[in-house]
Protein backbone atom coordinates (compact mmCIF):
# COMPACT_ATOMS: atom_id res chain seq x y z
CA MET A 1 28.25 -27.42 31.76
CA GLN A 2 27.18 -27.00 28.16
CA LEU A 3 26.70 -23.69 26.39
CA ASN A 4 23.20 -24.77 25.40
CA ASN A 5 22.13 -24.64 29.04
CA LEU A 6 23.10 -20.97 29.30
CA ILE A 7 20.61 -19.96 26.61
CA LYS A 8 17.17 -19.27 28.09
CA ASN A 9 15.28 -20.22 24.91
CA ASN A 10 16.64 -23.71 24.45
CA LYS A 11 14.02 -24.87 21.93
CA LYS A 12 14.83 -26.27 18.54
CA LYS A 13 13.39 -24.31 15.57
CA ILE A 14 10.66 -26.22 13.74
CA ARG A 15 11.70 -26.81 10.13
CA VAL A 16 8.57 -26.94 8.02
CA GLY A 17 8.26 -28.87 4.77
CA ARG A 18 10.78 -31.58 5.70
CA GLY A 19 8.72 -34.71 5.11
CA ILE A 20 5.71 -36.54 6.47
CA GLY A 21 7.42 -37.77 9.64
CA SER A 22 8.06 -34.27 10.98
CA GLY A 23 4.36 -33.50 11.36
CA LYS A 24 4.89 -30.29 9.38
CA GLY A 25 5.42 -31.75 5.93
CA LYS A 26 3.45 -31.51 2.66
CA THR A 27 1.55 -28.18 3.01
CA SER A 28 3.74 -26.99 5.90
CA SER A 29 0.65 -25.97 7.96
CA ARG A 30 -0.48 -23.52 5.29
CA GLY A 31 -3.60 -25.40 4.28
CA HIS A 32 -4.46 -25.99 0.65
CA LYS A 33 -4.15 -23.58 -2.28
CA GLY A 34 -5.33 -19.97 -1.94
CA GLN A 35 -3.45 -16.70 -1.69
CA LYS A 36 -2.14 -17.27 1.82
CA SER A 37 -0.57 -20.62 1.00
CA ARG A 38 1.79 -18.96 -1.46
CA SER A 39 5.03 -17.30 -0.48
CA GLY A 40 5.50 -13.55 -0.27
CA VAL A 41 1.95 -12.69 0.75
CA ALA A 42 0.94 -9.93 3.12
CA ILE A 43 -2.57 -8.60 2.84
CA LYS A 44 -2.07 -5.20 4.40
CA SER A 45 -4.95 -3.53 6.23
CA PHE A 46 -7.35 -6.30 5.20
CA GLU A 47 -9.51 -7.18 8.18
CA GLY A 48 -11.39 -10.15 6.80
CA GLY A 49 -14.24 -8.17 5.30
CA GLN A 50 -14.78 -6.10 8.45
CA MET A 51 -14.83 -2.37 7.75
CA PRO A 52 -11.11 -1.44 7.93
CA LEU A 53 -9.87 0.92 10.62
CA TYR A 54 -8.84 3.63 8.17
CA ARG A 55 -12.43 3.70 6.82
CA ARG A 56 -14.09 3.58 10.24
CA LEU A 57 -12.37 6.73 11.49
CA PRO A 58 -13.65 10.16 10.42
CA LYS A 59 -11.77 12.27 7.90
CA ARG A 60 -9.99 15.21 9.49
CA GLY A 61 -8.64 18.37 7.89
CA PHE A 62 -6.93 19.02 4.59
CA LYS A 63 -3.71 20.48 3.19
CA SER A 64 -4.32 23.92 1.76
CA LEU A 65 -2.90 24.56 -1.70
CA GLN A 66 -2.52 28.28 -1.01
CA LYS A 67 0.02 28.28 1.78
CA ASN A 68 -0.49 31.27 4.05
CA GLU A 69 2.76 33.23 3.90
CA THR A 70 1.46 36.61 5.06
CA ALA A 71 1.87 37.75 8.67
CA ILE A 72 -1.08 39.88 9.78
CA LEU A 73 -0.52 42.55 12.43
CA ASN A 74 -3.12 44.90 13.86
CA LEU A 75 -2.17 48.38 15.05
CA SER A 76 -3.02 47.38 18.63
CA LYS A 77 -0.51 44.52 18.39
CA LEU A 78 2.11 46.89 16.93
CA GLN A 79 1.55 49.30 19.82
CA ASN A 80 2.05 46.44 22.32
CA ILE A 81 5.31 45.50 20.60
CA LEU A 82 6.55 49.10 20.79
CA ASP A 83 5.51 49.49 24.45
CA LYS A 84 7.46 46.49 25.68
CA SER A 85 10.98 47.67 26.46
CA LYS A 86 12.54 44.20 26.13
CA ASN A 87 11.81 44.22 22.37
CA ASN A 88 14.12 47.23 22.02
CA ILE A 89 12.56 48.48 18.77
CA LYS A 90 13.18 52.17 18.12
CA ASN A 91 10.95 53.59 15.37
CA GLN A 92 11.42 51.32 12.38
CA ILE A 93 9.41 48.17 11.83
CA ASP A 94 9.63 45.72 8.98
CA LEU A 95 9.38 41.98 8.42
CA LYS A 96 13.11 41.37 8.94
CA ILE A 97 13.20 43.12 12.32
CA LEU A 98 10.09 41.29 13.54
CA LYS A 99 11.64 37.96 12.55
CA GLU A 100 14.97 38.78 14.24
CA LYS A 101 13.21 39.69 17.50
CA LYS A 102 11.16 36.46 17.14
CA LEU A 103 7.89 38.36 17.32
CA ILE A 104 6.55 36.55 14.26
CA ASN A 105 7.29 33.15 12.74
CA LYS A 106 10.36 32.91 10.51
CA ASN A 107 8.31 31.23 7.75
CA PHE A 108 6.30 34.34 6.88
CA LYS A 109 7.34 36.04 3.64
CA LYS A 110 5.01 39.07 3.63
CA LEU A 111 3.61 41.53 6.16
CA LYS A 112 0.11 42.99 6.26
CA ILE A 113 -0.94 45.83 8.59
CA LEU A 114 -4.61 46.08 9.61
CA GLY A 115 -6.30 49.02 11.31
CA SER A 116 -7.93 47.55 14.40
CA GLY A 117 -6.75 49.35 17.53
CA ASP A 118 -4.73 52.58 17.82
CA ILE A 119 -1.09 53.51 17.51
CA LYS A 120 0.39 56.38 19.52
CA LYS A 121 4.07 56.46 18.53
CA ASN A 122 5.27 57.79 15.22
CA VAL A 123 6.98 54.89 13.50
CA GLU A 124 8.25 54.05 10.05
CA ILE A 125 6.68 50.82 8.87
CA THR A 126 7.66 48.85 5.79
CA ALA A 127 5.02 46.32 4.77
CA HIS A 128 3.68 44.53 1.70
CA PHE A 129 0.01 45.37 2.34
CA ALA A 130 -1.94 47.77 4.54
CA SER A 131 -5.63 48.59 4.94
CA LYS A 132 -6.92 52.13 4.32
CA GLN A 133 -7.86 52.43 7.98
CA ALA A 134 -4.34 51.46 9.05
CA LEU A 135 -2.78 53.97 6.62
CA SER A 136 -4.88 56.85 7.95
CA LYS A 137 -4.28 55.97 11.63
CA ILE A 138 -0.50 55.69 11.18
CA GLU A 139 -0.31 59.05 9.36
CA LYS A 140 -2.54 60.66 12.01
CA ALA A 141 -0.06 59.53 14.69
CA GLY A 142 2.77 61.15 12.71
CA GLY A 143 4.17 57.91 11.36
CA LYS A 144 5.02 56.81 7.86
CA ILE A 145 4.22 53.59 6.02
CA SER A 146 5.88 52.45 2.83
CA LEU A 147 4.43 49.58 0.81
CA ILE A 148 6.67 47.12 -1.01
CA LYS A 149 5.46 46.44 -4.51
CA LYS A 150 6.38 43.16 -6.20
């Protein structure tokens, strides 16, 4: 038994451009002249004049130049965080603690407190920004907020 019989694809490779007798000589089945008869040609995404796929599909979205790096927390959300016992936050809140407890994304670099909702506990909050409403509500509840200036 020959080794050739073991190979499933037992066909001989057609060698183009090897003379008239081979049936694939002269132009080597590439036709005459033109871009595609030359070597090293790949016309990427050209669909023969038909509107290309990348132009048929609608444009979607954009990349914002101002990357949002500020985490926004409302007082109602802060109160929820404090109420849940599994978070185990005593009475100090800042960006680092929120990141450690995985309550906000680790990519945020600043923290902003907004005044929607109410806060009942007196807590010390360290943030970069806070609305006037949030400041008044936190101080009314007996808490303290310190703003980081940069």
